[in-house]
Amino acid sequence: MNNDIPVQTLGGQGEVMAHAVDACVHCGFCLPACPTYALLGDEMDSPRGRIVLMKEVLEGGLPLMDAAPHLDRCLGCQACVTACPSGVPYGELITAFRGWSEPRRQRSPFDRVKRTAILKILPAPKVFSVAARLGQFAKPLAPALPAALRSPLDLLPESVPAMQPSAAFTPARGVRRGRVAFLVGCAQQALAPNFNAATLRVLARNGIEVVIPEGQGCCGAAALHTGAREEALRLVRQNLAAFNPDDYDAILSNAAGCGAGLKEYPVILHGLPDEAQAKAFAAKVQDISQYLAGLLRDGELQPMMPTRQPLKVAYHDACHLAHAQKIKAAPRELLRAIPGVQLVEIPEGDLCCGSAGTYNLEQPELANQLGQRKAQHILSTTPDIVASGNIGCHTQVQSHVRRSGSPVAVMHTVEVLDLAYRGEL
């Protein structure tokens, strides 16, 4: 970056942004990996173009509002990070930039109200559950509404299940072989409570006792990735206070976006007094598939029962699992460990489904195009089950699969494992 602009003037995340900007050599390998570039074909809607825009804004050469539309269209999926030969930490850059720029943004009253509602409702499962149930009554009106109001209704499932509170402690079945802490997540408690119930059952069956620490809350990813940095810091510190990493073999999440957010805590707190605490915490964080695959590789995962008939399972890579956390093999290994399962790959599997946290609420037109594209590719494999590891992907994929007229089951990976253990697959 321009040496005339001291990094210190950019705030606590200035060093993070400067490193990422300087690492980019503008080679273009990121272009074909970028969902918005695939849809729009505009250089400014590619990672390389957005890095130039952010650099110009930070150096004072471009008004923020001129760059904002292109930067807002970024999903933050980090497929470009996987594709980049130079190792540019683009995810850290766009997150830090949004935190720096949001207080400087001029947004319409509607946008401000919408963003406030998202950040108040999503991290509060009980409030979200009530809002989702109320949304069921308005769902028939969705086709007549503008996209900004229609998208939340379109994403709701046919029925909103009752919430299932998770026990603070789940004992291991048989010989105790491990002790983990579990982050229960937010939206999935309201939309898909069986994700957590299945997770606890599978862990207990494999001799792992599970603690759900009191005082935990939202991981902070939604706030962080929409630029609400102060709110994100509050949530991060709340979880650091709730989880003592020394008490557990691992800290588990079954939502790719949450797990990636937890692993980002040291970057979020870079240069702040609690950075060391964040590093100790993040070092213990694992995705549920990562943890269970470790048991499988060590020969310690309990065998699952064969399927009643051969089943074709299409595995959908959640971006924040495959790209942000670099976890692709683990869920595939677990699904292949079920006798009778044929695992199939989805064409264009690395391209985002369009969920991306709150993206399908804030950019509904582009998210809808990506969702339709993903559903078409999934259904081309003629699966019996679609498995994934993230509540956002689950909601987006299920919505678009249903709109395509297909009854195929869309499930969390751990739900598939749970059914196999119970002989119900």
Protein backbone atom coordinates (compact mmCIF):
# COMPACT_ATOMS: atom_id res chain seq x y z
CA MET A 1 0.00 0.00 0.00
CA ASN A 2 0.98 3.65 -0.46
CA ASN A 3 3.67 4.49 2.06
CA ASP A 4 2.17 7.97 2.42
CA ILE A 5 -0.79 6.37 4.21
CA PRO A 6 0.45 4.95 7.54
CA VAL A 7 -1.09 1.59 8.31
CA GLN A 8 -1.75 2.79 11.86
CA THR A 9 -4.30 5.32 10.59
CA LEU A 10 -6.53 2.44 9.43
CA GLY A 11 -7.21 1.21 12.95
CA GLY A 12 -6.49 -2.15 14.59
CA GLN A 13 -7.05 -4.12 11.40
CA GLY A 14 -4.77 -1.95 9.26
CA GLU A 15 -1.90 -4.43 9.33
CA VAL A 16 -4.25 -7.26 8.28
CA MET A 17 -5.53 -5.26 5.30
CA ALA A 18 -2.11 -4.01 4.23
CA HIS A 19 -0.63 -7.52 4.21
CA ALA A 20 -3.47 -8.89 2.08
CA VAL A 21 -3.37 -6.02 -0.43
CA ASP A 22 0.41 -6.26 -0.83
CA ALA A 23 0.29 -10.06 -1.34
CA CYS A 24 -1.86 -9.84 -4.50
CA VAL A 25 0.13 -9.96 -7.77
CA HIS A 26 -3.01 -9.60 -9.95
CA CYS A 27 -2.40 -12.89 -11.76
CA GLY A 28 -6.10 -13.58 -12.37
CA PHE A 29 -6.22 -17.17 -11.11
CA CYS A 30 -9.06 -16.08 -8.82
CA LEU A 31 -11.39 -15.01 -11.62
CA PRO A 32 -12.86 -18.38 -12.65
CA ALA A 33 -13.28 -19.36 -8.99
CA CYS A 34 -15.40 -16.29 -8.17
CA PRO A 35 -19.19 -16.76 -8.24
CA THR A 36 -20.01 -13.13 -8.99
CA TYR A 37 -17.46 -12.98 -11.79
CA ALA A 38 -19.00 -16.16 -13.21
CA LEU A 39 -22.41 -14.48 -13.21
CA LEU A 40 -21.51 -10.91 -14.15
CA GLY A 41 -18.20 -11.13 -16.03
CA ASP A 42 -17.11 -7.77 -14.59
CA GLU A 43 -13.50 -7.34 -13.46
CA MET A 44 -14.65 -5.15 -10.58
CA ASP A 45 -16.84 -8.03 -9.38
CA SER A 46 -13.84 -10.35 -9.09
CA PRO A 47 -11.43 -10.73 -6.15
CA ARG A 48 -8.60 -9.11 -8.11
CA GLY A 49 -10.79 -6.15 -9.02
CA ARG A 50 -12.11 -5.78 -5.49
CA ILE A 51 -8.59 -5.74 -4.06
CA VAL A 52 -7.76 -2.82 -6.38
CA LEU A 53 -10.94 -1.04 -5.27
CA MET A 54 -10.19 -1.53 -1.58
CA LYS A 55 -6.62 -0.33 -2.04
CA GLU A 56 -7.79 2.81 -3.84
CA VAL A 57 -10.38 3.57 -1.17
CA LEU A 58 -7.93 3.03 1.68
CA GLU A 59 -5.36 5.28 0.00
CA GLY A 60 -7.91 8.00 -0.62
CA GLY A 61 -7.92 7.74 -4.41
CA LEU A 62 -11.52 6.50 -4.77
CA PRO A 63 -14.70 7.45 -2.91
CA LEU A 64 -16.03 4.59 -0.82
CA MET A 65 -19.50 4.85 -2.36
CA ASP A 66 -18.07 4.29 -5.86
CA ALA A 67 -16.53 0.99 -4.75
CA ALA A 68 -19.33 -0.10 -2.42
CA PRO A 69 -21.69 -1.80 -4.93
CA HIS A 70 -18.95 -4.13 -6.16
CA LEU A 71 -17.72 -4.87 -2.64
CA ASP A 72 -21.25 -5.52 -1.38
CA ARG A 73 -21.69 -8.14 -4.10
CA CYS A 74 -18.80 -10.21 -2.71
CA LEU A 75 -20.12 -13.36 -1.00
CA GLY A 76 -17.01 -13.79 1.14
CA CYS A 77 -17.00 -17.45 0.07
CA GLN A 78 -13.17 -17.53 -0.14
CA ALA A 79 -13.08 -19.75 -3.23
CA CYS A 80 -10.49 -17.26 -4.47
CA VAL A 81 -8.28 -18.12 -1.48
CA THR A 82 -8.24 -21.76 -2.54
CA ALA A 83 -7.43 -20.77 -6.13
CA CYS A 84 -4.76 -18.16 -5.31
CA PRO A 85 -1.15 -19.30 -5.93
CA SER A 86 0.18 -16.37 -3.89
CA GLY A 87 -1.74 -17.18 -0.73
CA VAL A 88 -3.58 -13.86 -0.56
CA PRO A 89 -5.76 -13.92 2.60
CA TYR A 90 -8.69 -12.33 0.79
CA GLY A 91 -11.19 -13.42 3.44
CA GLU A 92 -9.31 -11.50 6.11
CA LEU A 93 -9.09 -8.47 3.83
CA ILE A 94 -12.78 -8.20 2.90
CA THR A 95 -13.85 -8.81 6.52
CA ALA A 96 -11.46 -6.22 7.92
CA PHE A 97 -12.36 -3.73 5.19
CA ARG A 98 -16.08 -4.07 5.89
CA GLY A 99 -15.44 -3.45 9.58
CA TRP A 100 -13.44 -0.33 8.72
CA SER A 101 -15.78 0.99 6.06
CA GLU A 102 -19.24 0.33 7.52
CA PRO A 103 -19.15 3.28 9.98
CA ARG A 104 -18.26 5.47 6.99
CA ARG A 105 -21.11 4.21 4.80
CA GLN A 106 -24.24 6.15 3.88
CA ARG A 107 -27.12 3.69 3.68
CA SER A 108 -30.80 4.20 2.97
CA PRO A 109 -33.24 4.01 5.91
CA PHE A 110 -34.58 0.71 4.51
CA ASP A 111 -31.07 -0.81 4.36
CA ARG A 112 -30.31 0.33 7.89
CA VAL A 113 -33.53 -1.16 9.25
CA LYS A 114 -32.98 -4.43 7.34
CA ARG A 115 -29.40 -4.84 8.54
CA THR A 116 -30.36 -4.04 12.13
CA ALA A 117 -33.18 -6.58 11.99
CA ILE A 118 -30.85 -9.26 10.61
CA LEU A 119 -28.26 -8.69 13.32
CA LYS A 120 -30.88 -8.67 16.09
CA ILE A 121 -32.97 -11.64 14.95
CA LEU A 122 -30.42 -14.15 13.57
CA PRO A 123 -28.29 -14.45 16.75
CA ALA A 124 -31.38 -14.88 18.96
CA PRO A 125 -32.82 -18.39 18.35
CA LYS A 126 -36.07 -17.87 20.27
CA VAL A 127 -36.76 -14.57 18.52
CA PHE A 128 -35.78 -16.11 15.19
CA SER A 129 -38.15 -19.04 15.77
CA VAL A 130 -41.06 -16.67 16.44
CA ALA A 131 -40.17 -14.58 13.37
CA ALA A 132 -39.97 -17.71 11.21
CA ARG A 133 -43.37 -18.91 12.41
CA LEU A 134 -44.91 -15.53 11.67
CA GLY A 135 -43.25 -15.67 8.25
CA GLN A 136 -45.15 -18.88 7.52
CA PHE A 137 -48.41 -16.91 7.47
CA ALA A 138 -46.98 -14.42 4.96
CA LYS A 139 -45.36 -17.08 2.76
CA PRO A 140 -48.33 -17.30 0.33
CA LEU A 141 -47.88 -13.60 -0.41
CA ALA A 142 -44.21 -14.02 -1.37
CA PRO A 143 -44.68 -14.09 -5.20
CA ALA A 144 -46.30 -10.65 -5.13
CA LEU A 145 -43.56 -9.02 -3.04
CA PRO A 146 -40.35 -7.29 -4.22
CA ALA A 147 -37.19 -9.41 -4.03
CA ALA A 148 -35.89 -7.73 -0.87
CA LEU A 149 -39.03 -8.76 1.05
CA ARG A 150 -39.68 -12.02 -0.80
CA SER A 151 -36.31 -13.69 -0.22
CA PRO A 152 -36.67 -14.32 3.55
CA LEU A 153 -40.08 -15.93 2.97
CA ASP A 154 -38.84 -18.05 0.05
CA LEU A 155 -36.06 -19.44 2.24
CA LEU A 156 -38.35 -20.63 5.02
CA PRO A 157 -39.03 -24.39 5.10
CA GLU A 158 -42.55 -25.70 4.57
CA SER A 159 -42.93 -25.88 8.35
CA VAL A 160 -40.83 -24.52 11.20
CA PRO A 161 -40.01 -27.30 13.70
CA ALA A 162 -40.30 -26.89 17.43
CA MET A 163 -37.05 -25.92 19.11
CA GLN A 164 -35.26 -28.71 20.98
CA PRO A 165 -33.16 -27.35 23.87
CA SER A 166 -29.85 -29.20 24.16
CA ALA A 167 -28.79 -30.63 27.51
CA ALA A 168 -25.89 -28.83 29.15
CA PHE A 169 -24.14 -32.17 29.49
CA THR A 170 -24.40 -35.32 27.37
CA PRO A 171 -22.57 -38.32 28.84
CA ALA A 172 -20.55 -40.73 26.74
CA ARG A 173 -22.07 -44.12 26.00
CA GLY A 174 -19.83 -46.98 27.06
CA VAL A 175 -16.15 -46.22 27.58
CA ARG A 176 -15.46 -42.49 27.80
CA ARG A 177 -12.86 -41.66 25.17
CA GLY A 178 -13.03 -37.87 25.01
CA ARG A 179 -14.56 -34.65 26.30
CA VAL A 180 -15.56 -31.77 24.03
CA ALA A 181 -17.35 -28.45 24.25
CA PHE A 182 -20.03 -27.68 21.70
CA LEU A 183 -21.22 -24.39 20.19
CA VAL A 184 -24.96 -24.81 19.60
CA GLY A 185 -25.29 -22.07 16.97
CA CYS A 186 -28.15 -19.67 16.33
CA ALA A 187 -30.43 -20.03 13.29
CA GLN A 188 -30.20 -23.80 13.22
CA GLN A 189 -31.75 -24.05 16.69
CA ALA A 190 -34.88 -22.54 15.13
CA LEU A 191 -34.79 -23.95 11.59
CA ALA A 192 -33.09 -27.34 12.01
CA PRO A 193 -32.87 -28.38 15.68
CA ASN A 194 -32.16 -31.98 14.70
CA PHE A 195 -28.66 -30.91 13.57
CA ASN A 196 -27.66 -30.50 17.22
CA ALA A 197 -29.64 -33.48 18.48
CA ALA A 198 -28.00 -35.76 15.90
CA THR A 199 -24.57 -34.33 16.72
CA LEU A 200 -24.95 -35.11 20.42
CA ARG A 201 -26.20 -38.63 19.71
CA VAL A 202 -23.33 -39.46 17.34
CA LEU A 203 -20.69 -38.11 19.70
CA ALA A 204 -22.15 -39.96 22.72
CA ARG A 205 -22.34 -43.21 20.73
CA ASN A 206 -18.63 -42.88 20.05
CA GLY A 207 -17.68 -42.43 23.70
CA ILE A 208 -17.42 -38.64 23.67
CA GLU A 209 -19.01 -36.62 26.46
CA VAL A 210 -20.26 -33.20 25.42
CA VAL A 211 -20.47 -29.99 27.43
CA ILE A 212 -22.48 -26.99 26.26
CA PRO A 213 -20.87 -24.17 28.24
CA GLU A 214 -23.22 -21.71 29.90
CA GLY A 215 -22.94 -18.14 28.68
CA GLN A 216 -22.02 -18.95 25.09
CA GLY A 217 -23.70 -17.05 22.28
CA CYS A 218 -23.53 -16.29 18.59
CA CYS A 219 -20.09 -16.87 17.08
CA GLY A 220 -20.10 -13.28 15.75
CA ALA A 221 -19.54 -14.19 12.11
CA ALA A 222 -22.73 -12.55 10.80
CA ALA A 223 -21.90 -9.28 12.54
CA LEU A 224 -18.26 -9.41 11.51
CA HIS A 225 -18.90 -10.15 7.83
CA THR A 226 -21.49 -7.39 7.53
CA GLY A 227 -19.16 -4.79 9.02
CA ALA A 228 -20.67 -4.58 12.52
CA ARG A 229 -17.25 -4.94 14.10
CA GLU A 230 -18.07 -3.64 17.58
CA GLU A 231 -20.98 -6.07 17.90
CA ALA A 232 -18.74 -8.87 16.63
CA LEU A 233 -16.09 -8.05 19.23
CA ARG A 234 -18.72 -8.21 21.98
CA LEU A 235 -19.86 -11.66 20.84
CA VAL A 236 -16.29 -12.93 20.42
CA ARG A 237 -15.37 -11.91 23.95
CA GLN A 238 -18.57 -13.44 25.31
CA ASN A 239 -17.53 -16.81 23.88
CA LEU A 240 -13.94 -16.48 25.02
CA ALA A 241 -15.28 -16.00 28.54
CA ALA A 242 -17.63 -19.00 28.24
CA PHE A 243 -15.19 -21.56 26.82
CA ASN A 244 -12.03 -22.56 28.65
CA PRO A 245 -10.02 -24.49 26.03
CA ASP A 246 -7.92 -26.20 28.68
CA ASP A 247 -11.01 -28.08 29.88
CA TYR A 248 -11.69 -29.86 26.58
CA ASP A 249 -10.06 -32.02 23.95
CA ALA A 250 -11.77 -29.87 21.31
CA ILE A 251 -14.33 -27.12 20.84
CA LEU A 252 -16.78 -28.32 18.20
CA SER A 253 -19.14 -26.62 15.77
CA ASN A 254 -21.46 -28.32 13.30
CA ALA A 255 -21.98 -25.17 11.20
CA ALA A 256 -19.24 -24.37 8.69
CA GLY A 257 -19.80 -20.62 8.94
CA CYS A 258 -19.66 -20.66 12.74
CA GLY A 259 -16.58 -22.89 12.82
CA ALA A 260 -14.76 -20.61 10.39
CA GLY A 261 -15.79 -17.63 12.50
CA LEU A 262 -14.44 -19.23 15.67
CA LYS A 263 -11.13 -19.96 13.96
CA GLU A 264 -10.93 -16.29 12.92
CA TYR A 265 -10.89 -15.00 16.50
CA PRO A 266 -7.11 -14.39 16.54
CA VAL A 267 -7.39 -12.30 13.35
CA ILE A 268 -10.34 -10.35 14.73
CA LEU A 269 -8.40 -9.58 17.90
CA HIS A 270 -5.05 -9.03 16.18
CA GLY A 271 -3.03 -6.46 18.10
CA LEU A 272 -5.47 -6.37 21.02
CA PRO A 273 -4.73 -7.55 24.58
CA ASP A 274 -6.87 -10.71 24.25
CA GLU A 275 -5.22 -11.96 21.04
CA ALA A 276 -3.28 -14.67 22.92
CA GLN A 277 -6.48 -15.91 24.54
CA ALA A 278 -8.11 -16.05 21.11
CA LYS A 279 -5.22 -18.10 19.73
CA ALA A 280 -5.53 -20.68 22.53
CA PHE A 281 -9.27 -20.88 21.88
CA ALA A 282 -8.99 -21.18 18.08
CA ALA A 283 -6.36 -23.91 18.36
CA LYS A 284 -9.01 -26.18 19.92
CA VAL A 285 -11.80 -25.44 17.41
CA GLN A 286 -12.82 -28.24 15.04
CA ASP A 287 -15.73 -28.89 12.73
CA ILE A 288 -17.79 -31.92 13.71
CA SER A 289 -16.73 -33.73 10.51
CA GLN A 290 -13.08 -32.95 11.21
CA TYR A 291 -13.33 -34.39 14.72
CA LEU A 292 -15.26 -37.53 13.75
CA ALA A 293 -12.96 -38.19 10.79
CA GLY A 294 -10.07 -38.12 13.24
CA LEU A 295 -11.75 -40.92 15.16
CA LEU A 296 -12.33 -42.80 11.91
CA ARG A 297 -8.67 -42.52 10.86
CA ASP A 298 -7.56 -43.72 14.28
CA GLY A 299 -9.85 -46.74 14.03
CA GLU A 300 -11.95 -45.47 16.94
CA LEU A 301 -15.19 -44.57 15.16
CA GLN A 302 -17.95 -47.05 15.91
CA PRO A 303 -19.10 -48.88 12.74
CA MET A 304 -22.42 -47.83 11.22
CA MET A 305 -25.19 -50.14 10.04
CA PRO A 306 -25.62 -50.80 6.32
CA THR A 307 -28.31 -48.89 4.44
CA ARG A 308 -31.56 -50.73 3.76
CA GLN A 309 -30.90 -50.34 0.04
CA PRO A 310 -28.09 -48.73 -1.98
CA LEU A 311 -28.19 -44.95 -1.49
CA LYS A 312 -26.67 -42.27 -3.67
CA VAL A 313 -25.53 -39.30 -1.57
CA ALA A 314 -24.47 -36.02 -3.21
CA TYR A 315 -22.14 -34.07 -0.94
CA HIS A 316 -22.30 -30.27 -1.17
CA ASP A 317 -19.18 -28.42 -0.02
CA ALA A 318 -20.05 -25.50 2.22
CA CYS A 319 -17.67 -22.68 1.26
CA HIS A 320 -16.67 -21.95 4.84
CA LEU A 321 -15.77 -25.60 5.31
CA ALA A 322 -14.00 -26.28 2.00
CA HIS A 323 -12.36 -22.90 1.42
CA ALA A 324 -12.16 -21.08 4.76
CA GLN A 325 -11.32 -24.17 6.87
CA LYS A 326 -9.78 -26.33 4.10
CA ILE A 327 -11.90 -29.33 5.10
CA LYS A 328 -13.00 -31.38 2.12
CA ALA A 329 -11.87 -34.96 2.75
CA ALA A 330 -13.32 -35.45 6.24
CA PRO A 331 -17.07 -35.39 5.48
CA ARG A 332 -16.54 -37.53 2.39
CA GLU A 333 -14.62 -40.13 4.39
CA LEU A 334 -17.42 -40.30 6.94
CA LEU A 335 -20.16 -40.74 4.35
CA ARG A 336 -18.15 -43.42 2.51
CA ALA A 337 -17.80 -45.27 5.83
CA ILE A 338 -21.54 -46.04 5.74
CA PRO A 339 -22.02 -49.45 4.06
CA GLY A 340 -24.32 -49.07 1.08
CA VAL A 341 -23.65 -45.37 0.39
CA GLN A 342 -22.42 -44.29 -3.03
CA LEU A 343 -20.95 -40.81 -2.76
CA VAL A 344 -21.31 -38.63 -5.87
CA GLU A 345 -19.65 -35.33 -6.67
CA ILE A 346 -21.69 -32.30 -7.73
CA PRO A 347 -20.66 -30.50 -10.95
CA GLU A 348 -19.24 -27.04 -10.22
CA GLY A 349 -19.03 -28.15 -6.61
CA ASP A 350 -16.62 -25.39 -5.59
CA LEU A 351 -19.00 -22.59 -6.64
CA CYS A 352 -21.01 -21.02 -3.80
CA CYS A 353 -24.71 -21.86 -3.49
CA GLY A 354 -25.51 -18.20 -2.78
CA SER A 355 -26.27 -18.46 0.93
CA ALA A 356 -23.02 -16.97 2.31
CA GLY A 357 -24.24 -15.92 5.74
CA THR A 358 -26.71 -13.07 5.21
CA TYR A 359 -25.97 -12.71 1.49
CA ASN A 360 -29.22 -14.24 0.29
CA LEU A 361 -31.04 -11.64 2.36
CA GLU A 362 -28.92 -8.68 1.28
CA GLN A 363 -28.30 -9.62 -2.38
CA PRO A 364 -31.38 -11.73 -3.20
CA GLU A 365 -31.18 -11.50 -7.01
CA LEU A 366 -27.62 -12.81 -7.27
CA ALA A 367 -28.20 -15.33 -4.49
CA ASN A 368 -31.25 -16.62 -6.33
CA GLN A 369 -29.26 -17.14 -9.54
CA LEU A 370 -26.57 -19.04 -7.66
CA GLY A 371 -29.17 -21.10 -5.80
CA GLN A 372 -30.90 -22.12 -9.01
CA ARG A 373 -27.57 -23.00 -10.58
CA LYS A 374 -26.57 -25.11 -7.57
CA ALA A 375 -29.90 -26.95 -7.47
CA GLN A 376 -29.66 -27.83 -11.17
CA HIS A 377 -26.17 -29.28 -10.70
CA ILE A 378 -27.21 -31.22 -7.60
CA LEU A 379 -30.25 -32.74 -9.27
CA SER A 380 -28.20 -33.69 -12.32
CA THR A 381 -26.56 -36.37 -10.14
CA THR A 382 -29.98 -37.92 -9.32
CA PRO A 383 -29.20 -38.32 -5.61
CA ASP A 384 -31.32 -39.91 -2.91
CA ILE A 385 -29.87 -37.54 -0.30
CA VAL A 386 -28.00 -34.24 -0.44
CA ALA A 387 -25.61 -33.82 2.49
CA SER A 388 -23.85 -30.68 3.65
CA GLY A 389 -22.38 -29.18 6.82
CA ASN A 390 -23.84 -25.70 7.22
CA ILE A 391 -27.28 -24.36 8.13
CA GLY A 392 -27.08 -21.55 5.56
CA CYS A 393 -26.28 -23.97 2.72
CA HIS A 394 -28.97 -26.35 3.95
CA THR A 395 -31.61 -23.60 3.88
CA GLN A 396 -30.55 -22.27 0.48
CA VAL A 397 -30.14 -25.66 -1.20
CA GLN A 398 -33.36 -27.06 0.24
CA SER A 399 -35.30 -23.99 -0.89
CA HIS A 400 -34.07 -24.20 -4.49
CA VAL A 401 -34.32 -27.98 -4.70
CA ARG A 402 -37.95 -27.73 -3.59
CA ARG A 403 -38.63 -24.97 -6.12
CA SER A 404 -37.26 -27.30 -8.80
CA GLY A 405 -40.00 -29.76 -7.86
CA SER A 406 -37.70 -32.41 -6.38
CA PRO A 407 -38.53 -34.26 -3.14
CA VAL A 408 -34.89 -35.31 -2.54
CA ALA A 409 -33.89 -35.14 1.14
CA VAL A 410 -31.44 -32.35 2.10
CA MET A 411 -29.61 -33.20 5.33
CA HIS A 412 -26.65 -32.32 7.49
CA THR A 413 -23.80 -34.82 7.19
CA VAL A 414 -24.12 -35.73 10.86
CA GLU A 415 -27.85 -36.43 10.41
CA VAL A 416 -26.95 -39.03 7.78
CA LEU A 417 -24.46 -40.62 10.19
CA ASP A 418 -27.03 -40.58 12.99
CA LEU A 419 -29.60 -42.42 10.83
CA ALA A 420 -26.95 -44.97 9.86
CA TYR A 421 -26.13 -45.62 13.52
CA ARG A 422 -29.83 -46.10 14.28
CA GLY A 423 -30.39 -48.42 11.30
CA GLU A 424 -32.88 -46.01 9.75
CA LEU A 425 -31.03 -45.10 6.55
